[in-house]
Amino acid sequence: MGVKEKRKKPWIDVKALRASRGWAQWKAAEHLKISRTYLSYLENGKCGFSAKVVEAIINVFDVTYEDFFQDPV
């Protein structure tokens, strides 16, 4: 087996967005309609974002697609 490659995080920092609202993981997960475990995996780059979750993050945290995918300067 080859070396396991770590997935890249999206350019937007979901953990920082969550913290800016003062939300614990469970509260953000509730708003996003995902499990707390899944949110933890997303925040730590252990799994990828589905289109449904990207849409939820954009709506819940009031960010744009461009914010989510834009390469940081």
N, C-alpha and C. Protein backbone atom coordinates (compact mmCIF):
# COMPACT_ATOMS: atom_id res chain seq x y z
N MET A 1 0.83 -1.19 0.00
CA MET A 1 0.00 0.00 0.00
C MET A 1 0.87 1.25 0.00
N GLY A 2 0.36 2.28 -0.66
CA GLY A 2 1.08 3.53 -0.72
C GLY A 2 0.85 4.38 0.53
N VAL A 3 1.60 5.44 0.60
CA VAL A 3 1.46 6.36 1.73
C VAL A 3 0.12 7.08 1.59
N LYS A 4 -0.60 7.15 2.67
CA LYS A 4 -1.91 7.81 2.66
C LYS A 4 -1.71 9.31 2.53
N GLU A 5 -2.36 9.87 1.53
CA GLU A 5 -2.23 11.30 1.27
C GLU A 5 -3.30 12.06 2.04
N LYS A 6 -2.90 13.10 2.77
CA LYS A 6 -3.85 13.90 3.53
C LYS A 6 -4.63 14.79 2.58
N ARG A 7 -5.95 14.83 2.78
CA ARG A 7 -6.81 15.67 1.95
C ARG A 7 -6.58 17.14 2.27
N LYS A 8 -6.70 17.95 1.25
CA LYS A 8 -6.56 19.39 1.44
C LYS A 8 -7.84 19.95 2.02
N LYS A 9 -7.69 20.94 2.90
CA LYS A 9 -8.84 21.64 3.45
C LYS A 9 -9.34 22.64 2.42
N PRO A 10 -10.62 23.00 2.53
CA PRO A 10 -11.09 24.08 1.66
C PRO A 10 -10.40 25.37 2.08
N TRP A 11 -10.47 26.36 1.23
CA TRP A 11 -9.78 27.60 1.55
C TRP A 11 -10.44 28.35 2.69
N ILE A 12 -11.72 28.07 2.91
CA ILE A 12 -12.41 28.73 4.01
C ILE A 12 -12.22 27.90 5.28
N ASP A 13 -12.02 28.56 6.38
CA ASP A 13 -11.77 27.88 7.65
C ASP A 13 -13.09 27.72 8.40
N VAL A 14 -13.68 26.54 8.29
CA VAL A 14 -14.98 26.28 8.90
C VAL A 14 -14.90 26.40 10.42
N LYS A 15 -13.80 25.98 10.99
CA LYS A 15 -13.63 26.09 12.44
C LYS A 15 -13.66 27.56 12.88
N ALA A 16 -13.02 28.42 12.12
CA ALA A 16 -13.01 29.85 12.44
C ALA A 16 -14.40 30.46 12.26
N LEU A 17 -15.12 30.03 11.23
CA LEU A 17 -16.49 30.50 11.05
C LEU A 17 -17.35 30.11 12.24
N ARG A 18 -17.20 28.88 12.66
CA ARG A 18 -17.96 28.37 13.80
C ARG A 18 -17.61 29.16 15.06
N ALA A 19 -16.34 29.38 15.28
CA ALA A 19 -15.88 30.12 16.46
C ALA A 19 -16.37 31.56 16.44
N SER A 20 -16.46 32.14 15.26
CA SER A 20 -16.92 33.54 15.16
C SER A 20 -18.37 33.69 15.62
N ARG A 21 -19.11 32.61 15.56
CA ARG A 21 -20.49 32.60 16.05
C ARG A 21 -20.58 32.20 17.52
N GLY A 22 -19.45 31.76 18.07
CA GLY A 22 -19.45 31.30 19.45
C GLY A 22 -20.10 29.94 19.62
N TRP A 23 -20.13 29.15 18.54
CA TRP A 23 -20.81 27.86 18.56
C TRP A 23 -19.84 26.73 18.87
N ALA A 24 -20.29 25.82 19.70
CA ALA A 24 -19.58 24.56 19.89
C ALA A 24 -19.82 23.72 18.63
N GLN A 25 -19.00 22.67 18.46
CA GLN A 25 -19.18 21.82 17.28
C GLN A 25 -20.59 21.26 17.18
N TRP A 26 -21.14 20.82 18.30
CA TRP A 26 -22.48 20.22 18.24
C TRP A 26 -23.52 21.21 17.75
N LYS A 27 -23.38 22.49 18.13
CA LYS A 27 -24.34 23.51 17.72
C LYS A 27 -24.21 23.80 16.22
N ALA A 28 -22.99 23.93 15.73
CA ALA A 28 -22.78 24.17 14.31
C ALA A 28 -23.27 22.97 13.50
N ALA A 29 -22.98 21.77 13.97
CA ALA A 29 -23.43 20.56 13.29
C ALA A 29 -24.95 20.51 13.21
N GLU A 30 -25.60 20.93 14.28
CA GLU A 30 -27.06 20.98 14.30
C GLU A 30 -27.58 21.93 13.22
N HIS A 31 -26.98 23.10 13.11
CA HIS A 31 -27.39 24.08 12.09
C HIS A 31 -27.11 23.56 10.68
N LEU A 32 -26.01 22.84 10.51
CA LEU A 32 -25.63 22.31 9.20
C LEU A 32 -26.36 21.01 8.86
N LYS A 33 -27.04 20.43 9.85
CA LYS A 33 -27.75 19.17 9.69
C LYS A 33 -26.80 18.01 9.35
N ILE A 34 -25.67 18.00 10.06
CA ILE A 34 -24.69 16.91 9.94
C ILE A 34 -24.31 16.47 11.36
N SER A 35 -23.60 15.37 11.47
CA SER A 35 -23.18 14.93 12.80
C SER A 35 -21.98 15.75 13.29
N ARG A 36 -21.81 15.80 14.59
CA ARG A 36 -20.67 16.50 15.17
C ARG A 36 -19.37 15.84 14.73
N THR A 37 -19.39 14.52 14.64
CA THR A 37 -18.20 13.78 14.21
C THR A 37 -17.80 14.17 12.79
N TYR A 38 -18.79 14.24 11.90
CA TYR A 38 -18.52 14.62 10.52
C TYR A 38 -17.95 16.04 10.45
N LEU A 39 -18.51 16.95 11.24
CA LEU A 39 -17.98 18.32 11.27
C LEU A 39 -16.54 18.33 11.75
N SER A 40 -16.24 17.54 12.75
CA SER A 40 -14.86 17.44 13.25
C SER A 40 -13.93 16.95 12.14
N TYR A 41 -14.36 15.93 11.42
CA TYR A 41 -13.55 15.41 10.30
C TYR A 41 -13.32 16.50 9.25
N LEU A 42 -14.37 17.26 8.93
CA LEU A 42 -14.24 18.33 7.95
C LEU A 42 -13.25 19.39 8.42
N GLU A 43 -13.39 19.81 9.67
CA GLU A 43 -12.51 20.85 10.22
C GLU A 43 -11.05 20.41 10.26
N ASN A 44 -10.82 19.12 10.39
CA ASN A 44 -9.46 18.61 10.50
C ASN A 44 -8.92 18.01 9.21
N GLY A 45 -9.66 18.18 8.11
CA GLY A 45 -9.21 17.71 6.81
C GLY A 45 -9.18 16.21 6.66
N LYS A 46 -9.97 15.50 7.45
CA LYS A 46 -9.97 14.03 7.39
C LYS A 46 -10.96 13.47 6.39
N CYS A 47 -11.82 14.33 5.83
CA CYS A 47 -12.74 13.90 4.79
C CYS A 47 -13.08 15.10 3.92
N GLY A 48 -13.69 14.81 2.81
CA GLY A 48 -14.03 15.86 1.87
C GLY A 48 -15.41 16.43 2.11
N PHE A 49 -15.68 17.55 1.48
CA PHE A 49 -16.96 18.23 1.59
C PHE A 49 -17.88 17.79 0.46
N SER A 50 -19.07 17.36 0.80
CA SER A 50 -20.06 17.06 -0.23
C SER A 50 -20.67 18.37 -0.71
N ALA A 51 -21.29 18.32 -1.88
CA ALA A 51 -21.95 19.52 -2.40
C ALA A 51 -23.03 20.00 -1.44
N LYS A 52 -23.74 19.07 -0.83
CA LYS A 52 -24.81 19.41 0.12
C LYS A 52 -24.25 20.16 1.33
N VAL A 53 -23.10 19.72 1.83
CA VAL A 53 -22.49 20.36 3.00
C VAL A 53 -21.92 21.73 2.61
N VAL A 54 -21.32 21.84 1.45
CA VAL A 54 -20.83 23.15 0.98
C VAL A 54 -21.99 24.13 0.94
N GLU A 55 -23.11 23.70 0.37
CA GLU A 55 -24.29 24.56 0.28
C GLU A 55 -24.78 24.97 1.67
N ALA A 56 -24.79 24.02 2.61
CA ALA A 56 -25.22 24.32 3.97
C ALA A 56 -24.29 25.33 4.64
N ILE A 57 -22.99 25.15 4.47
CA ILE A 57 -22.02 26.08 5.07
C ILE A 57 -22.21 27.48 4.50
N ILE A 58 -22.39 27.57 3.20
CA ILE A 58 -22.59 28.86 2.54
C ILE A 58 -23.84 29.54 3.09
N ASN A 59 -24.91 28.79 3.25
CA ASN A 59 -26.17 29.37 3.74
C ASN A 59 -26.12 29.70 5.23
N VAL A 60 -25.62 28.79 6.04
CA VAL A 60 -25.62 28.98 7.49
C VAL A 60 -24.67 30.11 7.90
N PHE A 61 -23.49 30.17 7.28
CA PHE A 61 -22.49 31.15 7.68
C PHE A 61 -22.47 32.39 6.78
N ASP A 62 -23.42 32.45 5.82
CA ASP A 62 -23.56 33.62 4.96
C ASP A 62 -22.26 33.98 4.25
N VAL A 63 -21.66 32.99 3.60
CA VAL A 63 -20.47 33.21 2.78
C VAL A 63 -20.82 32.86 1.34
N THR A 64 -19.95 33.20 0.42
CA THR A 64 -20.20 32.93 -1.00
C THR A 64 -19.40 31.71 -1.45
N TYR A 65 -19.75 31.19 -2.62
CA TYR A 65 -18.96 30.11 -3.20
C TYR A 65 -17.52 30.57 -3.40
N GLU A 66 -17.36 31.81 -3.81
CA GLU A 66 -16.02 32.36 -4.03
C GLU A 66 -15.22 32.37 -2.72
N ASP A 67 -15.88 32.76 -1.62
CA ASP A 67 -15.21 32.73 -0.32
C ASP A 67 -14.75 31.31 0.01
N PHE A 68 -15.59 30.35 -0.29
CA PHE A 68 -15.33 28.97 0.09
C PHE A 68 -14.14 28.40 -0.69
N PHE A 69 -14.07 28.71 -1.98
CA PHE A 69 -13.07 28.06 -2.83
C PHE A 69 -11.91 28.96 -3.26
N GLN A 70 -11.94 30.24 -2.92
CA GLN A 70 -10.90 31.17 -3.35
C GLN A 70 -9.57 30.85 -2.67
N ASP A 71 -8.54 30.83 -3.46
CA ASP A 71 -7.18 30.60 -2.97
C ASP A 71 -6.77 31.79 -2.10
N PRO A 72 -6.33 31.55 -0.86
CA PRO A 72 -5.93 32.68 -0.01
C PRO A 72 -4.72 33.40 -0.58
N VAL A 73 -4.67 34.68 -0.35
CA VAL A 73 -3.58 35.51 -0.90
C VAL A 73 -2.37 35.42 -0.01
